[in-house]
Amino acid sequence: MSDQPSASSPPTTVSGAAGRPRVVVVGGGFGGLEAINRLKGADVDITLIDQRNHHLFQPLLYQVATASLATSEIAWPIRYLLRDRPEVSTLLATVSGVDTGAREVLLEDGARVPYDFLVLATGARHAYFGHDDWMPHAPGLKTLEDATMIRRRILLAFEHAERETDPRRQAALLTFVVIGGGPTGVELAGTIAEMAHVTLPPDFRRIDTRRARVLLIEGGQRLLSAFDPSLSAYAKQALEKLGVEVMLGQSVSECSAQGVVFGGTRLEADTVLWGAGVRASPAAEWLGANADRAGRVLVEPDLTVPGHPEIYAVGDTVSIAGPDGAPVPGIAPAAKQQGRYVGGAIKARLRGEPSPGPFRYKHSGNLATIGKRKAVIDFGRIKLRGPLAWWIWGIAHIYFLIGMRNRLSVALSWLWIHTRGQRSARLITQGK
């Protein structure tokens, strides 16, 4: 699309050094940062635009939401990560569009950022399948703000239940509903149940937190649909052993401040959490590009946008088929592979070298944790479950964290939880 600036307020222009190719990366997530890392050594000026000042390790975001980890253990300032890259400039700003004709990224404040190459790594947002009015009542989990808000809701539910004298209201306060049986939903439900049954009982005097109900509602016929059916069955059994009530083949038809309606049953619940679906950022709308039902840009095999060979898109922003013909999953390893590929492709073009060929995704496997000592791992031919899978899951996540301090901090936090059952980040912040 080609947006024109207002005649009454001429836009400012943010640009790099004269004569050097300009690469603009929108989004400081896994894909965006990996593209920048791969461009190291190239004779370019790079501008990274993000509406937040930090890079977030999203796979552990649910652990902030459930008081296992602090925010600083899974997020790092972007400027800090790029402090040794003088060719990279970082802008804290929100993108409102792309003028493909002028080759400029449009910012909400009216500024324009010119580019010779553009990499869109803008991630995803929550999808409520036509029920956006449910959002205030069933928050999703994509940002640090989401995580701290969910943590506050969970902890306040127990605090308010401690003071509540009406049995019906107390029951609603101690009812937690998680909608969606993917990895996020499974991990949230399992950890909330562990908090209620293991961590919190000694801390309260008037209520028995073990009476809390945790329900996981999934519209499909099994949990973790991307995993082998045997691992899905194991996840269900493990959750039920933790005390989670798993409802399969049930769709939520109503969600409000009073609770949910599913399968014709009305359930009063003060805490409802959403993990049922995501929708891509509006990148396709900015470009006027074709998109799939989830709003992801349909890109060429080399991850360029059709008709715009200077524009690449990666991660949750795009839809592209993997080796098996199915869409490449929206997970961190896929975004990193795509970012690495795009950085290399831009480098090759700048040097006048042949294209690296089409992007080929290499699937490393699916991992999900169920509580503090159980997990499932699907490596294709190799499938693991139970404590061994949990240790491998933990080691893999610690390995991909940035910085030795964070790795040690997370490892110590998990060791404390594993041995003592205590979660040290049970702080209620932000709001009433």
Foldseek 3Di string as FASTA:
>chain_A
DADDFDPVDAAAEDEDDPPFAEEEEEDDEQQRVLLVVLLPPPRHAYEYEYQDQKYFPQVCLLCLLLQLDPRVLGIDGPCVVCVVPVSYHYDNFAWDFARLVQQWTATPVRYTYHHQFYEYAPFWAFDPPPPVVQCVQAPETDDNVSSLVSLQLLLVLVVVLLVDDDPVSSQQSLEAEEEAQAQSSQANLLSSLLCQQPACQVPGDRDRSNPRAYEYEYLAQFHRVVADPVVRVVSVVLSVVSVYHYHYNKDWPDTDCQGTAIPNDGDGHRHHYYDHGIAHDCHCVSVVADDDPSQAGEPDLLQATVPRNSYGYFANNHWDAAPVRHTDDRDSVRSSQSSSLNSVQVSCVVVVHDGPDGRHDDDQWDKHARYLQWIWTPRPVDIDITRVSNVVVLVVSLVPRPDPVSSVVSVVSSVCCVPPVYRDRSDNDDDD
